[in-house]
C-alpha atoms as a PDB file:
ATOM      1  CA  UNK A   1       0.000   0.000   0.000  1.00  0.00           C
ATOM      2  CA  UNK A   2       1.347   3.424  -0.967  1.00  0.00           C
ATOM      3  CA  UNK A   3       1.579   6.291   1.494  1.00  0.00           C
ATOM      4  CA  UNK A   4       0.004   9.789   1.350  1.00  0.00           C
ATOM      5  CA  UNK A   5       2.015  12.628  -0.148  1.00  0.00           C
ATOM      6  CA  UNK A   6       2.758  14.095   3.295  1.00  0.00           C
ATOM      7  CA  UNK A   7       4.307  10.798   4.433  1.00  0.00           C
ATOM      8  CA  UNK A   8       7.710   9.285   3.669  1.00  0.00           C
ATOM      9  CA  UNK A   9       8.368   5.552   3.634  1.00  0.00           C
ATOM     10  CA  UNK A  10      11.633   4.445   5.233  1.00  0.00           C
ATOM     11  CA  UNK A  11      13.328   1.043   5.004  1.00  0.00           C
ATOM     12  CA  UNK A  12      15.033  -0.145   8.181  1.00  0.00           C
ATOM     13  CA  UNK A  13      17.718  -2.863   8.096  1.00  0.00           C
ATOM     14  CA  UNK A  14      17.610  -4.561  11.477  1.00  0.00           C
ATOM     15  CA  UNK A  15      19.651  -7.112  13.423  1.00  0.00           C
ATOM     16  CA  UNK A  16      18.758  -8.721  16.731  1.00  0.00           C
ATOM     17  CA  UNK A  17      19.672 -11.454  19.170  1.00  0.00           C
ATOM     18  CA  UNK A  18      16.398 -13.319  19.548  1.00  0.00           C
ATOM     19  CA  UNK A  19      17.295 -15.013  22.826  1.00  0.00           C
ATOM     20  CA  UNK A  20      15.226 -12.771  25.079  1.00  0.00           C
ATOM     21  CA  UNK A  21      12.437 -11.949  22.624  1.00  0.00           C
ATOM     22  CA  UNK A  22       9.092 -13.685  22.163  1.00  0.00           C
ATOM     23  CA  UNK A  23       9.525 -13.350  18.418  1.00  0.00           C
ATOM     24  CA  UNK A  24       9.032 -10.376  16.117  1.00  0.00           C
ATOM     25  CA  UNK A  25       5.291  -9.759  16.260  1.00  0.00           C
ATOM     26  CA  UNK A  26       3.773  -7.640  19.078  1.00  0.00           C
ATOM     27  CA  UNK A  27       2.171  -9.676  21.854  1.00  0.00           C
ATOM     28  CA  UNK A  28       0.428  -8.441  25.003  1.00  0.00           C
ATOM     29  CA  UNK A  29       2.730  -8.388  28.038  1.00  0.00           C
ATOM     30  CA  UNK A  30       5.626  -9.957  26.088  1.00  0.00           C
ATOM     31  CA  UNK A  31       8.904  -8.497  24.908  1.00  0.00           C
ATOM     32  CA  UNK A  32       9.028  -8.589  21.106  1.00  0.00           C
ATOM     33  CA  UNK A  33      11.327  -7.034  18.515  1.00  0.00           C
ATOM     34  CA  UNK A  34       8.506  -5.090  16.870  1.00  0.00           C
ATOM     35  CA  UNK A  35       7.315  -3.832  20.236  1.00  0.00           C
ATOM     36  CA  UNK A  36      10.756  -2.593  21.272  1.00  0.00           C
ATOM     37  CA  UNK A  37      11.426  -0.987  17.892  1.00  0.00           C
ATOM     38  CA  UNK A  38       8.030   0.736  17.687  1.00  0.00           C
ATOM     39  CA  UNK A  39       8.319   2.049  21.234  1.00  0.00           C
ATOM     40  CA  UNK A  40      11.793   3.462  20.575  1.00  0.00           C
ATOM     41  CA  UNK A  41      10.748   5.121  17.321  1.00  0.00           C
ATOM     42  CA  UNK A  42       7.777   6.703  19.097  1.00  0.00           C
ATOM     43  CA  UNK A  43      10.068   8.106  21.786  1.00  0.00           C
ATOM     44  CA  UNK A  44      12.310   9.631  19.128  1.00  0.00           C
ATOM     45  CA  UNK A  45       9.692  10.960  16.702  1.00  0.00           C
ATOM     46  CA  UNK A  46       6.737  11.511  19.020  1.00  0.00           C
ATOM     47  CA  UNK A  47       3.638   9.437  19.817  1.00  0.00           C
ATOM     48  CA  UNK A  48       1.761   8.207  16.733  1.00  0.00           C
ATOM     49  CA  UNK A  49       4.272   9.875  14.386  1.00  0.00           C
ATOM     50  CA  UNK A  50       5.685   6.619  13.006  1.00  0.00           C
ATOM     51  CA  UNK A  51       3.106   4.242  11.524  1.00  0.00           C
ATOM     52  CA  UNK A  52       2.799   1.140   9.385  1.00  0.00           C
ATOM     53  CA  UNK A  53       5.616  -0.976  10.816  1.00  0.00           C
ATOM     54  CA  UNK A  54       5.803  -3.930   8.397  1.00  0.00           C
ATOM     55  CA  UNK A  55       8.434  -6.666   8.422  1.00  0.00           C
ATOM     56  CA  UNK A  56       9.795  -8.981   5.743  1.00  0.00           C
ATOM     57  CA  UNK A  57       9.712 -12.107   7.919  1.00  0.00           C
ATOM     58  CA  UNK A  58       8.013 -12.558  11.279  1.00  0.00           C
ATOM     59  CA  UNK A  59      10.595 -14.627  13.127  1.00  0.00           C
ATOM     60  CA  UNK A  60       9.585 -16.920  15.993  1.00  0.00           C
ATOM     61  CA  UNK A  61      10.668 -16.680  19.607  1.00  0.00           C
ATOM     62  CA  UNK A  62      14.395 -17.261  19.969  1.00  0.00           C
ATOM     63  CA  UNK A  63      15.231 -16.818  16.275  1.00  0.00           C
ATOM     64  CA  UNK A  64      17.911 -14.240  15.440  1.00  0.00           C
ATOM     65  CA  UNK A  65      18.425 -11.861  12.513  1.00  0.00           C
ATOM     66  CA  UNK A  66      21.381 -10.135  10.902  1.00  0.00           C
ATOM     67  CA  UNK A  67      19.520  -9.114   7.732  1.00  0.00           C
ATOM     68  CA  UNK A  68      15.921  -8.401   8.731  1.00  0.00           C
ATOM     69  CA  UNK A  69      14.092  -5.660   6.790  1.00  0.00           C
ATOM     70  CA  UNK A  70      11.046  -3.632   7.752  1.00  0.00           C
ATOM     71  CA  UNK A  71       9.462  -0.373   6.689  1.00  0.00           C
ATOM     72  CA  UNK A  72       7.758   2.467   8.528  1.00  0.00           C
ATOM     73  CA  UNK A  73       6.060   5.689   7.460  1.00  0.00           C
ATOM     74  CA  UNK A  74       7.149   9.061   8.849  1.00  0.00           C
ATOM     75  CA  UNK A  75       5.424  12.411   8.396  1.00  0.00           C
ATOM     76  CA  UNK A  76       7.635  13.970   5.739  1.00  0.00           C
ATOM     77  CA  UNK A  77       8.498  16.960   7.918  1.00  0.00           C
ATOM     78  CA  UNK A  78       9.494  14.664  10.796  1.00  0.00           C
ATOM     79  CA  UNK A  79      11.676  12.522   8.530  1.00  0.00           C
ATOM     80  CA  UNK A  80      13.396  15.612   7.134  1.00  0.00           C
ATOM     81  CA  UNK A  81      14.254  16.649  10.675  1.00  0.00           C
ATOM     82  CA  UNK A  82      15.264  13.262  12.086  1.00  0.00           C
ATOM     83  CA  UNK A  83      16.618  11.388   9.081  1.00  0.00           C
ATOM     84  CA  UNK A  84      20.263  12.540   9.272  1.00  0.00           C
ATOM     85  CA  UNK A  85      20.583  11.564  12.952  1.00  0.00           C
ATOM     86  CA  UNK A  86      18.121   8.678  13.260  1.00  0.00           C
ATOM     87  CA  UNK A  87      20.697   5.865  13.323  1.00  0.00           C
ATOM     88  CA  UNK A  88      22.679   7.446  16.150  1.00  0.00           C
ATOM     89  CA  UNK A  89      19.498   8.195  18.084  1.00  0.00           C
ATOM     90  CA  UNK A  90      18.376   4.587  17.716  1.00  0.00           C
ATOM     91  CA  UNK A  91      21.811   3.311  18.745  1.00  0.00           C
ATOM     92  CA  UNK A  92      21.601   5.340  21.931  1.00  0.00           C
ATOM     93  CA  UNK A  93      18.062   4.310  22.864  1.00  0.00           C
ATOM     94  CA  UNK A  94      17.578   0.719  21.675  1.00  0.00           C
ATOM     95  CA  UNK A  95      18.558  -2.138  23.979  1.00  0.00           C
ATOM     96  CA  UNK A  96      21.851  -3.849  23.103  1.00  0.00           C
ATOM     97  CA  UNK A  97      20.148  -6.897  21.561  1.00  0.00           C
ATOM     98  CA  UNK A  98      18.615  -4.834  18.718  1.00  0.00           C
ATOM     99  CA  UNK A  99      20.490  -2.703  16.175  1.00  0.00           C
ATOM    100  CA  UNK A 100      19.296  -0.743  13.139  1.00  0.00           C
ATOM    101  CA  UNK A 101      22.065  -0.785  10.542  1.00  0.00           C
ATOM    102  CA  UNK A 102      20.442   1.496   7.972  1.00  0.00           C
ATOM    103  CA  UNK A 103      17.430   3.810   7.606  1.00  0.00           C
ATOM    104  CA  UNK A 104      16.825   4.594   3.934  1.00  0.00           C
ATOM    105  CA  UNK A 105      14.084   6.566   2.209  1.00  0.00           C
ATOM    106  CA  UNK A 106      12.370   4.322  -0.351  1.00  0.00           C
ATOM    107  CA  UNK A 107       9.578   4.727  -2.914  1.00  0.00           C
ATOM    108  CA  UNK A 108       6.068   4.862  -1.492  1.00  0.00           C
ATOM    109  CA  UNK A 109       5.169   1.514  -3.058  1.00  0.00           C
ATOM    110  CA  UNK A 110       8.042  -0.385  -1.398  1.00  0.00           C
ATOM    111  CA  UNK A 111       6.619  -3.061   0.882  1.00  0.00           C
ATOM    112  CA  UNK A 112       9.093  -4.886   3.128  1.00  0.00           C
ATOM    113  CA  UNK A 113       6.913  -7.991   3.147  1.00  0.00           C
ATOM    114  CA  UNK A 114       5.275  -8.215  -0.253  1.00  0.00           C
ATOM    115  CA  UNK A 115       8.013  -6.642  -2.405  1.00  0.00           C
ATOM    116  CA  UNK A 116      10.552  -9.240  -1.213  1.00  0.00           C
ATOM    117  CA  UNK A 117      11.778 -11.794  -3.750  1.00  0.00           C
ATOM    118  CA  UNK A 118      13.444 -14.127  -1.259  1.00  0.00           C
ATOM    119  CA  UNK A 119      14.343 -14.718   2.382  1.00  0.00           C
ATOM    120  CA  UNK A 120      17.589 -16.432   3.307  1.00  0.00           C
ATOM    121  CA  UNK A 121      18.285 -18.167   6.612  1.00  0.00           C
ATOM    122  CA  UNK A 122      21.286 -19.922   8.089  1.00  0.00           C
ATOM    123  CA  UNK A 123      21.166 -22.644  10.739  1.00  0.00           C
ATOM    124  CA  UNK A 124      24.329 -23.371  12.757  1.00  0.00           C
ATOM    125  CA  UNK A 125      25.068 -26.771  14.321  1.00  0.00           C
ATOM    126  CA  UNK A 126      28.113 -28.145  16.092  1.00  0.00           C
ATOM    127  CA  UNK A 127      28.728 -31.852  16.548  1.00  0.00           C
ATOM    128  CA  UNK A 128      31.926 -31.266  18.534  1.00  0.00           C
ATOM    129  CA  UNK A 129      32.137 -33.555  21.596  1.00  0.00           C
ATOM    130  CA  UNK A 130      32.527 -30.524  23.892  1.00  0.00           C
ATOM    131  CA  UNK A 131      29.432 -28.784  22.510  1.00  0.00           C
ATOM    132  CA  UNK A 132      28.987 -25.157  21.461  1.00  0.00           C
ATOM    133  CA  UNK A 133      31.607 -22.562  22.248  1.00  0.00           C
ATOM    134  CA  UNK A 134      30.490 -20.320  25.126  1.00  0.00           C
ATOM    135  CA  UNK A 135      30.456 -17.161  22.992  1.00  0.00           C
ATOM    136  CA  UNK A 136      28.299 -18.870  20.318  1.00  0.00           C
ATOM    137  CA  UNK A 137      25.949 -20.813  22.553  1.00  0.00           C
ATOM    138  CA  UNK A 138      23.011 -18.500  21.728  1.00  0.00           C
ATOM    139  CA  UNK A 139      23.209 -19.038  17.947  1.00  0.00           C
ATOM    140  CA  UNK A 140      24.633 -22.556  17.562  1.00  0.00           C
ATOM    141  CA  UNK A 141      22.878 -25.840  18.287  1.00  0.00           C
ATOM    142  CA  UNK A 142      25.002 -28.431  20.092  1.00  0.00           C
ATOM    143  CA  UNK A 143      24.243 -31.834  18.542  1.00  0.00           C
ATOM    144  CA  UNK A 144      25.096 -34.832  20.712  1.00  0.00           C
ATOM    145  CA  UNK A 145      26.099 -37.209  17.900  1.00  0.00           C
ATOM    146  CA  UNK A 146      28.461 -36.966  14.897  1.00  0.00           C
ATOM    147  CA  UNK A 147      26.954 -35.619  11.674  1.00  0.00           C
ATOM    148  CA  UNK A 148      28.034 -36.603   8.171  1.00  0.00           C
ATOM    149  CA  UNK A 149      28.257 -33.640   5.792  1.00  0.00           C
ATOM    150  CA  UNK A 150      27.761 -35.756   2.663  1.00  0.00           C
ATOM    151  CA  UNK A 151      24.539 -37.218   4.084  1.00  0.00           C
ATOM    152  CA  UNK A 152      23.215 -33.775   4.964  1.00  0.00           C
ATOM    153  CA  UNK A 153      23.909 -32.600   1.416  1.00  0.00           C
ATOM    154  CA  UNK A 154      22.168 -35.617  -0.067  1.00  0.00           C
ATOM    155  CA  UNK A 155      19.115 -34.959   2.095  1.00  0.00           C
ATOM    156  CA  UNK A 156      19.039 -31.288   1.081  1.00  0.00           C
ATOM    157  CA  UNK A 157      19.153 -32.015  -2.655  1.00  0.00           C
ATOM    158  CA  UNK A 158      15.684 -33.550  -2.704  1.00  0.00           C
ATOM    159  CA  UNK A 159      14.050 -30.547  -1.043  1.00  0.00           C
ATOM    160  CA  UNK A 160      15.063 -27.882  -3.581  1.00  0.00           C
ATOM    161  CA  UNK A 161      12.360 -26.625  -5.946  1.00  0.00           C
ATOM    162  CA  UNK A 162       8.679 -25.771  -5.742  1.00  0.00           C
ATOM    163  CA  UNK A 163       6.781 -28.189  -3.520  1.00  0.00           C
ATOM    164  CA  UNK A 164       3.903 -28.385  -1.116  1.00  0.00           C
ATOM    165  CA  UNK A 165       5.743 -28.284   2.216  1.00  0.00           C
ATOM    166  CA  UNK A 166       2.668 -29.176   4.293  1.00  0.00           C
ATOM    167  CA  UNK A 167       4.644 -31.904   6.106  1.00  0.00           C
ATOM    168  CA  UNK A 168       7.062 -29.233   7.349  1.00  0.00           C
ATOM    169  CA  UNK A 169       4.659 -26.408   8.235  1.00  0.00           C
ATOM    170  CA  UNK A 170       2.320 -25.459  11.001  1.00  0.00           C
ATOM    171  CA  UNK A 171      -0.766 -25.128   8.856  1.00  0.00           C
ATOM    172  CA  UNK A 172      -2.987 -22.075   9.208  1.00  0.00           C
ATOM    173  CA  UNK A 173      -6.557 -21.955   7.986  1.00  0.00           C
ATOM    174  CA  UNK A 174      -6.861 -20.832   4.347  1.00  0.00           C
ATOM    175  CA  UNK A 175      -3.052 -20.509   4.065  1.00  0.00           C
ATOM    176  CA  UNK A 176      -1.070 -22.152   1.283  1.00  0.00           C
ATOM    177  CA  UNK A 177       1.929 -24.339   2.073  1.00  0.00           C
ATOM    178  CA  UNK A 178       3.251 -24.219  -1.497  1.00  0.00           C
ATOM    179  CA  UNK A 179       6.774 -22.747  -1.495  1.00  0.00           C
ATOM    180  CA  UNK A 180       9.770 -22.606  -3.839  1.00  0.00           C
ATOM    181  CA  UNK A 181      13.094 -23.399  -2.176  1.00  0.00           C
ATOM    182  CA  UNK A 182      15.751 -21.945  -4.458  1.00  0.00           C
ATOM    183  CA  UNK A 183      18.819 -22.797  -2.383  1.00  0.00           C
ATOM    184  CA  UNK A 184      19.393 -25.436   0.278  1.00  0.00           C
ATOM    185  CA  UNK A 185      22.959 -26.489   1.037  1.00  0.00           C
ATOM    186  CA  UNK A 186      25.261 -27.457   3.884  1.00  0.00           C
ATOM    187  CA  UNK A 187      28.884 -26.565   4.537  1.00  0.00           C
ATOM    188  CA  UNK A 188      31.346 -27.258   7.312  1.00  0.00           C
ATOM    189  CA  UNK A 189      33.336 -24.149   8.225  1.00  0.00           C
ATOM    190  CA  UNK A 190      37.023 -24.261   9.210  1.00  0.00           C
ATOM    191  CA  UNK A 191      36.025 -24.158  12.889  1.00  0.00           C
ATOM    192  CA  UNK A 192      33.997 -27.346  12.423  1.00  0.00           C
ATOM    193  CA  UNK A 193      30.563 -25.697  12.559  1.00  0.00           C
ATOM    194  CA  UNK A 194      27.980 -27.095  10.156  1.00  0.00           C
ATOM    195  CA  UNK A 195      25.891 -24.379   8.508  1.00  0.00           C
ATOM    196  CA  UNK A 196      22.712 -24.905   6.502  1.00  0.00           C
ATOM    197  CA  UNK A 197      21.740 -22.124   4.080  1.00  0.00           C
ATOM    198  CA  UNK A 198      18.043 -22.122   3.166  1.00  0.00           C
ATOM    199  CA  UNK A 199      16.557 -19.655   0.689  1.00  0.00           C
ATOM    200  CA  UNK A 200      12.998 -19.471  -0.621  1.00  0.00           C
ATOM    201  CA  UNK A 201      10.495 -16.980  -1.957  1.00  0.00           C
ATOM    202  CA  UNK A 202       8.803 -17.218   1.451  1.00  0.00           C
ATOM    203  CA  UNK A 203       8.437 -19.661   4.348  1.00  0.00           C
ATOM    204  CA  UNK A 204       5.494 -20.913   6.333  1.00  0.00           C
ATOM    205  CA  UNK A 205       5.701 -21.074  10.113  1.00  0.00           C
ATOM    206  CA  UNK A 206       8.412 -23.398  11.500  1.00  0.00           C
ATOM    207  CA  UNK A 207       9.319 -24.583   7.978  1.00  0.00           C
ATOM    208  CA  UNK A 208      13.064 -23.938   8.125  1.00  0.00           C
ATOM    209  CA  UNK A 209      13.514 -25.529  11.544  1.00  0.00           C
ATOM    210  CA  UNK A 210      11.433 -28.521  10.438  1.00  0.00           C
ATOM    211  CA  UNK A 211      13.555 -28.995   7.320  1.00  0.00           C
ATOM    212  CA  UNK A 212      16.709 -28.813   9.433  1.00  0.00           C
ATOM    213  CA  UNK A 213      15.291 -31.306  11.925  1.00  0.00           C
ATOM    214  CA  UNK A 214      14.579 -33.805   9.149  1.00  0.00           C
ATOM    215  CA  UNK A 215      18.016 -33.372   7.589  1.00  0.00           C
ATOM    216  CA  UNK A 216      19.778 -33.814  10.930  1.00  0.00           C
ATOM    217  CA  UNK A 217      18.078 -37.203  11.269  1.00  0.00           C
ATOM    218  CA  UNK A 218      19.747 -38.145   7.973  1.00  0.00           C
ATOM    219  CA  UNK A 219      23.068 -36.601   8.955  1.00  0.00           C
ATOM    220  CA  UNK A 220      23.370 -38.775  12.034  1.00  0.00           C
ATOM    221  CA  UNK A 221      22.324 -41.917  10.170  1.00  0.00           C
ATOM    222  CA  UNK A 222      18.846 -42.496  11.606  1.00  0.00           C
ATOM    223  CA  UNK A 223      17.063 -41.927   8.282  1.00  0.00           C
ATOM    224  CA  UNK A 224      17.953 -42.563   4.626  1.00  0.00           C
ATOM    225  CA  UNK A 225      18.902 -39.619   2.430  1.00  0.00           C
ATOM    226  CA  UNK A 226      15.629 -39.673   0.482  1.00  0.00           C
ATOM    227  CA  UNK A 227      13.402 -39.599   3.581  1.00  0.00           C
ATOM    228  CA  UNK A 228      12.989 -35.795   3.873  1.00  0.00           C
ATOM    229  CA  UNK A 229      11.939 -35.533   0.204  1.00  0.00           C
ATOM    230  CA  UNK A 230       9.555 -38.483   0.566  1.00  0.00           C
ATOM    231  CA  UNK A 231       7.509 -36.457   3.070  1.00  0.00           C
ATOM    232  CA  UNK A 232       6.653 -33.881   0.391  1.00  0.00           C
ATOM    233  CA  UNK A 233       3.835 -36.155  -0.798  1.00  0.00           C
ATOM    234  CA  UNK A 234       1.961 -35.579   2.464  1.00  0.00           C
ATOM    235  CA  UNK A 235      -0.738 -32.944   2.827  1.00  0.00           C
ATOM    236  CA  UNK A 236      -0.537 -32.464   6.566  1.00  0.00           C
ATOM    237  CA  UNK A 237       2.216 -31.871   9.087  1.00  0.00           C
ATOM    238  CA  UNK A 238       4.338 -34.964   9.741  1.00  0.00           C
ATOM    239  CA  UNK A 239       4.599 -36.026  13.368  1.00  0.00           C
ATOM    240  CA  UNK A 240       7.858 -37.797  12.479  1.00  0.00           C
ATOM    241  CA  UNK A 241       9.680 -34.507  11.910  1.00  0.00           C
ATOM    242  CA  UNK A 242      11.361 -32.934  14.916  1.00  0.00           C
ATOM    243  CA  UNK A 243      11.477 -29.132  14.806  1.00  0.00           C
ATOM    244  CA  UNK A 244      15.061 -28.010  15.426  1.00  0.00           C
ATOM    245  CA  UNK A 245      15.522 -25.550  18.325  1.00  0.00           C
ATOM    246  CA  UNK A 246      15.004 -21.881  17.523  1.00  0.00           C
ATOM    247  CA  UNK A 247      18.344 -20.554  18.719  1.00  0.00           C
ATOM    248  CA  UNK A 248      20.361 -22.087  15.851  1.00  0.00           C
ATOM    249  CA  UNK A 249      18.415 -20.114  13.244  1.00  0.00           C
ATOM    250  CA  UNK A 250      19.259 -16.654  11.873  1.00  0.00           C
ATOM    251  CA  UNK A 251      17.573 -14.625   9.135  1.00  0.00           C
ATOM    252  CA  UNK A 252      20.587 -13.345   7.168  1.00  0.00           C
ATOM    253  CA  UNK A 253      19.152 -11.650   4.069  1.00  0.00           C
ATOM    254  CA  UNK A 254      16.003 -10.470   2.321  1.00  0.00           C
ATOM    255  CA  UNK A 255      16.082  -9.789  -1.420  1.00  0.00           C
ATOM    256  CA  UNK A 256      14.183  -7.171  -3.424  1.00  0.00           C
ATOM    257  CA  UNK A 257      14.021  -6.249  -7.132  1.00  0.00           C
ATOM    258  CA  UNK A 258      17.098  -4.347  -8.311  1.00  0.00           C
ATOM    259  CA  UNK A 259      14.848  -1.880 -10.115  1.00  0.00           C
ATOM    260  CA  UNK A 260      12.748   0.158  -7.636  1.00  0.00           C
ATOM    261  CA  UNK A 261      10.019   0.551 -10.266  1.00  0.00           C
ATOM    262  CA  UNK A 262       9.374  -3.194  -9.838  1.00  0.00           C
ATOM    263  CA  UNK A 263       8.425  -2.930  -6.142  1.00  0.00           C
ATOM    264  CA  UNK A 264       4.713  -2.482  -6.797  1.00  0.00           C
ATOM    265  CA  UNK A 265       4.553  -5.245  -9.419  1.00  0.00           C
ATOM    266  CA  UNK A 266       6.329  -7.689  -7.118  1.00  0.00           C
ATOM    267  CA  UNK A 267       4.040  -6.777  -4.223  1.00  0.00           C
ATOM    268  CA  UNK A 268       0.935  -7.347  -6.329  1.00  0.00           C
ATOM    269  CA  UNK A 269       2.231 -10.698  -7.539  1.00  0.00           C
ATOM    270  CA  UNK A 270       3.101 -11.839  -4.007  1.00  0.00           C
ATOM    271  CA  UNK A 271      -0.314 -10.859  -2.663  1.00  0.00           C
ATOM    272  CA  UNK A 272      -2.014 -12.969  -5.303  1.00  0.00           C
ATOM    273  CA  UNK A 273       0.182 -15.963  -4.491  1.00  0.00           C
ATOM    274  CA  UNK A 274       0.501 -15.739  -0.724  1.00  0.00           C
ATOM    275  CA  UNK A 275      -2.385 -13.987   0.982  1.00  0.00           C
ATOM    276  CA  UNK A 276      -3.285 -15.024   3.593  1.00  0.00           C
ATOM    277  CA  UNK A 277      -0.214 -17.235   3.930  1.00  0.00           C
ATOM    278  CA  UNK A 278       2.284 -16.747   6.728  1.00  0.00           C
ATOM    279  CA  UNK A 279       5.807 -15.855   5.689  1.00  0.00           C
END
């Protein structure tokens, strides 16, 4: 939705440690990323001055982000006054587990959610006998058994493409579970950490952690490599899939059309495909 002429739309690039948040979305009597961000913006710009907070991906409780994107609308006069100093003001007033890396004026038809072309997540796992390093314990899952990289890669290969991921989603009424996974791969970094990269046009709730849970079962040898893909024939959530813990998951990037004139077209296309699906 476009904004009135006396309003300016601003893209915010946000990072957060999800450990102490009950997810992104506002919830009564709970600490959420959206709640903290909206409250801080209101303190800076004035009550009711900043409206329309919209996020690219509504992360669950405990999930982190280094590349989250949202947009807000400022009265144009307020943005003109605050824009040059907004980042420093936010840095001084936000709690240390939330940072805004950039605040950029964007066209009025930019929509952080619907204009997005992809979301990319990473999931970190260590199978080291001593567990996760103390300084990474909040973003790395400690797995109690050895994991085979080749097996994880074999399991991932069968999940790439457009499929109905109902077996891996928490279904919502009238919401589609059809998604296109464009990238799903594993690597083992020099420090021994296993990292899964998962990219799709959008995700339904708990989808990434469910995919990781299924692939970990293959990686430790409990399931054959084709088992995760075999579940794609199901039309309801599979009770055999264990959802991996939230703290290993980080939203690392959200993509948008290179040409700003494509924002509105992409948003219209996404609405036709996704509404009322959860990201």
